[in-house]
Amino acid sequence: MSIIELLASNPQREYPLSEIADELELDHGTCANIIKTLASHGYVQQSAPRRGYKFGYMFYKLTGTAVVNEDLTKIAREDVASLGRVTNESAILSIIKNDKRIVLFHTTPDRELIVRTNIDKSVYSANTGRVILANYTPDHLEKFIIRNGLPAESEWPAIYEGDNPDLEFRRRLNKIRKEGYEIDFNSNGIVGLAAPLWRGGHVAGSVGVYLPSSRLANEQEILDLVLATAASINRKLELTDRI
């Protein structure tokens, strides 16, 4: 509880492990074990390896600080559920919170072979995170990059195919922003199709579908369904904000 109270005193700050232990007069090994347990349950997180610790997504999920996200889930849930039923694949509603891609709602297809995704995941490694990041304002994007650095090769292998990962990273984000969607085939045989959601002129989240690439018989058909779902949610968000 002392660790939680310390992190709560400045939720956006990242506290080094040594500072937490010294501040609370805890043995460093004991402190590390407690933080490891908290992190495994989503209550504490690191924005990158060897960085400090701060509040995790579970605090925002369990408390009233996520009212806007609850509102988004309420508005989008029916459309995302419909997308999951029509495709019979894993459909998800996502946001970026604390520099992580967080799943607010997901569907489970009625199949033996299904794609599961972590509730929280690197923004760079999930295309439902990339489509949000691609639509950040330039200032917002630069601050995100400063905090998190460039994607690791394991998070976004495609940007390391050339000689300049930074340039390729920005080129691909710009391509996603212009096209209004992303389709990503990863090395595990999974394909993800995602589109951004908008609220008040700002990107608010994303909707996407994940499925084994072996089942992708008609790429355009699935993409059209994702884009139609995003458009429907966007209309509802606009109407809600007018009321």
Protein backbone atom coordinates (compact mmCIF):
# COMPACT_ATOMS: atom_id res chain seq x y z
CA MET A 1 0.00 0.00 0.00
CA SER A 2 2.89 2.36 0.69
CA ILE A 3 4.21 1.77 -2.82
CA ILE A 4 0.76 2.43 -4.30
CA GLU A 5 0.39 5.62 -2.26
CA LEU A 6 3.81 6.85 -3.42
CA LEU A 7 2.96 6.26 -7.08
CA ALA A 8 -0.44 7.88 -6.57
CA SER A 9 1.21 11.08 -5.31
CA ASN A 10 2.33 11.77 -8.90
CA PRO A 11 0.61 9.30 -11.29
CA GLN A 12 2.41 10.50 -14.45
CA ARG A 13 5.91 10.31 -12.99
CA GLU A 14 8.09 7.21 -13.37
CA TYR A 15 9.80 6.28 -10.10
CA PRO A 16 13.09 4.32 -10.22
CA LEU A 17 13.06 1.15 -8.13
CA SER A 18 15.90 2.39 -5.96
CA GLU A 19 14.05 5.62 -5.18
CA ILE A 20 10.88 3.74 -4.21
CA ALA A 21 12.81 1.42 -1.91
CA ASP A 22 14.85 4.22 -0.31
CA GLU A 23 11.86 6.52 0.11
CA LEU A 24 9.86 3.80 1.88
CA GLU A 25 12.87 2.31 3.70
CA LEU A 26 12.31 -1.07 2.09
CA ASP A 27 14.89 -3.73 1.30
CA HIS A 28 15.58 -3.38 -2.45
CA GLY A 29 15.00 -7.07 -3.13
CA THR A 30 11.72 -7.06 -1.22
CA CYS A 31 10.60 -3.91 -3.01
CA ALA A 32 11.48 -5.44 -6.39
CA ASN A 33 9.41 -8.56 -5.63
CA ILE A 34 6.37 -6.52 -4.56
CA ILE A 35 6.56 -4.35 -7.68
CA LYS A 36 6.96 -7.46 -9.85
CA THR A 37 3.72 -8.84 -8.40
CA LEU A 38 1.89 -5.53 -8.85
CA ALA A 39 3.14 -5.29 -12.44
CA SER A 40 2.04 -8.85 -13.26
CA HIS A 41 -1.53 -7.84 -12.37
CA GLY A 42 -1.45 -4.53 -14.25
CA TYR A 43 -1.34 -2.23 -11.21
CA VAL A 44 2.19 -0.99 -11.91
CA GLN A 45 3.89 -0.59 -15.27
CA GLN A 46 7.10 0.46 -17.00
CA SER A 47 6.91 2.43 -20.24
CA ALA A 48 10.11 0.68 -21.37
CA PRO A 49 12.71 -1.74 -19.96
CA ARG A 50 15.02 -0.18 -17.38
CA ARG A 51 12.66 2.76 -16.97
CA GLY A 52 10.92 3.73 -13.74
CA TYR A 53 7.53 2.56 -12.50
CA LYS A 54 4.14 4.27 -12.42
CA PHE A 55 0.44 3.48 -12.12
CA GLY A 56 -0.78 0.66 -14.37
CA TYR A 57 -3.94 0.41 -16.44
CA MET A 58 -5.84 -1.59 -13.80
CA PHE A 59 -6.19 1.47 -11.55
CA TYR A 60 -7.87 3.33 -14.39
CA LYS A 61 -10.06 0.34 -15.17
CA LEU A 62 -11.24 -0.05 -11.57
CA THR A 63 -11.73 3.58 -10.62
CA GLY A 64 -13.81 6.51 -11.80
CA THR A 65 -10.86 8.10 -13.60
CA ALA A 66 -11.88 6.25 -16.76
CA VAL A 67 -15.37 7.73 -17.20
CA VAL A 68 -14.64 8.78 -20.80
CA ASN A 69 -13.41 5.27 -21.63
CA GLU A 70 -16.49 3.71 -20.05
CA ASP A 71 -18.60 6.04 -22.18
CA LEU A 72 -16.70 4.96 -25.29
CA THR A 73 -17.23 1.30 -24.41
CA LYS A 74 -20.95 1.85 -23.86
CA ILE A 75 -21.35 3.62 -27.21
CA ALA A 76 -19.17 1.26 -29.26
CA ARG A 77 -19.93 -2.09 -27.63
CA GLU A 78 -22.93 -3.02 -29.82
CA ASP A 79 -21.08 -2.25 -33.06
CA VAL A 80 -17.96 -4.15 -32.04
CA ALA A 81 -20.06 -7.11 -30.91
CA SER A 82 -21.83 -7.06 -34.29
CA LEU A 83 -18.47 -6.98 -36.09
CA GLY A 84 -17.41 -10.03 -34.11
CA ARG A 85 -20.62 -11.90 -34.96
CA VAL A 86 -20.54 -11.09 -38.68
CA THR A 87 -16.88 -12.02 -39.12
CA ASN A 88 -16.88 -14.76 -36.46
CA GLU A 89 -13.42 -13.51 -35.54
CA SER A 90 -11.87 -11.63 -32.60
CA ALA A 91 -13.10 -8.03 -32.73
CA ILE A 92 -11.68 -5.51 -30.26
CA LEU A 93 -12.17 -1.95 -29.08
CA SER A 94 -8.94 -0.30 -27.93
CA ILE A 95 -7.43 2.90 -26.57
CA ILE A 96 -3.97 4.07 -25.59
CA LYS A 97 -3.60 4.59 -21.85
CA ASN A 98 -0.34 5.14 -19.98
CA ASP A 99 1.50 4.54 -23.25
CA LYS A 100 -0.01 1.04 -23.63
CA ARG A 101 -2.61 -0.33 -26.03
CA ILE A 102 -5.51 -1.26 -23.75
CA VAL A 103 -8.46 -3.43 -24.80
CA LEU A 104 -11.77 -2.04 -23.51
CA PHE A 105 -13.98 -4.70 -25.09
CA HIS A 106 -13.47 -7.82 -27.20
CA THR A 107 -15.46 -10.65 -28.73
CA THR A 108 -14.63 -14.35 -28.82
CA PRO A 109 -15.42 -16.23 -32.06
CA ASP A 110 -17.18 -19.56 -32.10
CA ARG A 111 -14.23 -21.48 -33.56
CA GLU A 112 -11.68 -24.04 -32.39
CA LEU A 113 -8.76 -21.85 -33.54
CA ILE A 114 -9.09 -18.29 -32.23
CA VAL A 115 -6.80 -15.30 -31.80
CA ARG A 116 -6.41 -13.93 -28.29
CA THR A 117 -4.76 -10.62 -27.45
CA ASN A 118 -3.45 -9.27 -24.17
CA ILE A 119 -5.54 -6.62 -22.42
CA ASP A 120 -2.47 -4.38 -22.35
CA LYS A 121 0.18 -4.48 -25.04
CA SER A 122 2.90 -2.36 -26.59
CA VAL A 123 1.37 0.33 -28.82
CA TYR A 124 4.04 -0.41 -31.41
CA SER A 125 3.37 -4.14 -31.64
CA ALA A 126 -0.43 -3.91 -31.99
CA ASN A 127 -1.88 -2.41 -35.15
CA THR A 128 -4.93 -1.33 -33.12
CA GLY A 129 -2.42 0.80 -31.22
CA ARG A 130 -0.56 2.01 -34.30
CA VAL A 131 -3.68 3.41 -35.95
CA ILE A 132 -4.29 5.54 -32.86
CA LEU A 133 -0.66 6.65 -32.65
CA ALA A 134 -0.60 7.50 -36.36
CA ASN A 135 -3.39 10.03 -35.78
CA TYR A 136 -1.80 11.78 -32.80
CA THR A 137 -1.02 15.45 -33.27
CA PRO A 138 2.65 16.02 -34.19
CA ASP A 139 3.40 17.37 -30.70
CA HIS A 140 1.62 14.47 -29.00
CA LEU A 141 3.47 11.97 -31.18
CA GLU A 142 6.88 13.49 -30.46
CA LYS A 143 6.26 13.37 -26.71
CA PHE A 144 5.25 9.71 -27.02
CA ILE A 145 8.46 8.92 -28.91
CA ILE A 146 10.59 10.79 -26.37
CA ARG A 147 9.05 8.76 -23.54
CA ASN A 148 9.17 5.39 -25.28
CA GLY A 149 11.85 5.59 -27.95
CA LEU A 150 11.52 3.91 -31.33
CA PRO A 151 9.88 0.49 -31.58
CA ALA A 152 12.13 -2.48 -30.90
CA GLU A 153 12.62 -4.74 -33.90
CA SER A 154 10.47 -7.38 -32.17
CA GLU A 155 7.63 -4.84 -31.83
CA TRP A 156 7.56 -3.64 -35.44
CA PRO A 157 9.96 -5.65 -37.64
CA ALA A 158 8.93 -3.89 -40.86
CA ILE A 159 10.55 -0.59 -39.90
CA TYR A 160 13.95 -2.33 -39.72
CA GLU A 161 13.80 -3.62 -43.28
CA GLY A 162 15.61 -0.52 -44.55
CA ASP A 163 18.66 1.46 -43.42
CA ASN A 164 16.82 4.11 -41.41
CA PRO A 165 14.31 2.78 -38.83
CA ASP A 166 13.35 6.27 -37.67
CA LEU A 167 12.49 7.40 -41.19
CA GLU A 168 10.64 4.17 -41.98
CA PHE A 169 8.73 4.37 -38.69
CA ARG A 170 7.46 7.85 -39.50
CA ARG A 171 6.74 6.93 -43.13
CA ARG A 172 4.57 4.01 -42.08
CA LEU A 173 2.69 6.05 -39.49
CA ASN A 174 2.03 8.69 -42.14
CA LYS A 175 0.78 6.00 -44.55
CA ILE A 176 -1.63 4.65 -41.88
CA ARG A 177 -2.91 8.17 -41.19
CA LYS A 178 -3.52 8.93 -44.88
CA GLU A 179 -5.20 5.59 -45.65
CA GLY A 180 -7.30 5.60 -42.48
CA TYR A 181 -6.54 1.98 -41.57
CA GLU A 182 -3.77 -0.60 -41.20
CA ILE A 183 -3.53 -4.23 -42.24
CA ASP A 184 -0.69 -6.13 -40.60
CA PHE A 185 0.50 -9.70 -41.18
CA ASN A 186 2.81 -10.83 -38.40
CA SER A 187 5.33 -13.67 -38.26
CA ASN A 188 2.97 -15.80 -36.15
CA GLY A 189 0.49 -16.13 -38.99
CA ILE A 190 -1.93 -13.58 -37.55
CA VAL A 191 -3.46 -10.74 -39.53
CA GLY A 192 -4.90 -7.63 -37.91
CA LEU A 193 -7.11 -5.02 -39.57
CA ALA A 194 -7.75 -1.80 -37.66
CA ALA A 195 -9.27 1.67 -38.08
CA PRO A 196 -9.26 4.75 -35.82
CA LEU A 197 -12.18 6.23 -33.89
CA TRP A 198 -12.72 9.97 -33.60
CA ARG A 199 -14.24 12.22 -30.97
CA GLY A 200 -14.26 16.00 -30.89
CA GLY A 201 -11.74 16.16 -33.72
CA HIS A 202 -9.23 13.96 -31.89
CA VAL A 203 -8.44 10.27 -32.20
CA ALA A 204 -10.23 8.49 -29.35
CA GLY A 205 -9.47 4.81 -29.91
CA SER A 206 -9.61 2.09 -32.52
CA VAL A 207 -11.61 -0.89 -33.65
CA GLY A 208 -10.05 -3.96 -35.18
CA VAL A 209 -10.30 -7.63 -36.10
CA TYR A 210 -7.65 -10.29 -35.56
CA LEU A 211 -7.69 -13.68 -37.27
CA PRO A 212 -5.34 -16.39 -38.56
CA SER A 213 -4.05 -15.33 -41.97
CA SER A 214 -5.04 -18.76 -43.30
CA ARG A 215 -8.71 -17.77 -42.83
CA LEU A 216 -8.41 -14.45 -44.63
CA ALA A 217 -10.25 -15.43 -47.81
CA ASN A 218 -11.34 -11.87 -48.71
CA GLU A 219 -9.16 -9.12 -47.27
CA GLN A 220 -11.24 -6.28 -48.73
CA GLU A 221 -14.48 -7.71 -47.32
CA ILE A 222 -13.11 -7.80 -43.75
CA LEU A 223 -11.55 -4.35 -44.15
CA ASP A 224 -14.85 -2.90 -45.38
CA LEU A 225 -16.60 -4.33 -42.31
CA VAL A 226 -13.99 -2.80 -39.98
CA LEU A 227 -14.26 0.59 -41.70
CA ALA A 228 -18.07 0.46 -41.63
CA THR A 229 -17.99 -0.38 -37.92
CA ALA A 230 -15.64 2.52 -37.22
CA ALA A 231 -17.88 4.88 -39.23
CA SER A 232 -20.96 3.76 -37.29
CA ILE A 233 -19.23 4.28 -33.94
CA ASN A 234 -17.93 7.68 -35.04
CA ARG A 235 -21.46 8.80 -35.95
CA LYS A 236 -22.72 7.73 -32.54
CA LEU A 237 -19.86 9.53 -30.79
CA GLU A 238 -20.64 12.70 -32.73
CA LEU A 239 -24.34 12.50 -31.89
CA THR A 240 -23.61 11.83 -28.22
CA ASP A 241 -21.31 14.85 -27.99
CA ARG A 242 -23.97 17.09 -29.55
CA ILE A 243 -26.53 16.21 -26.88
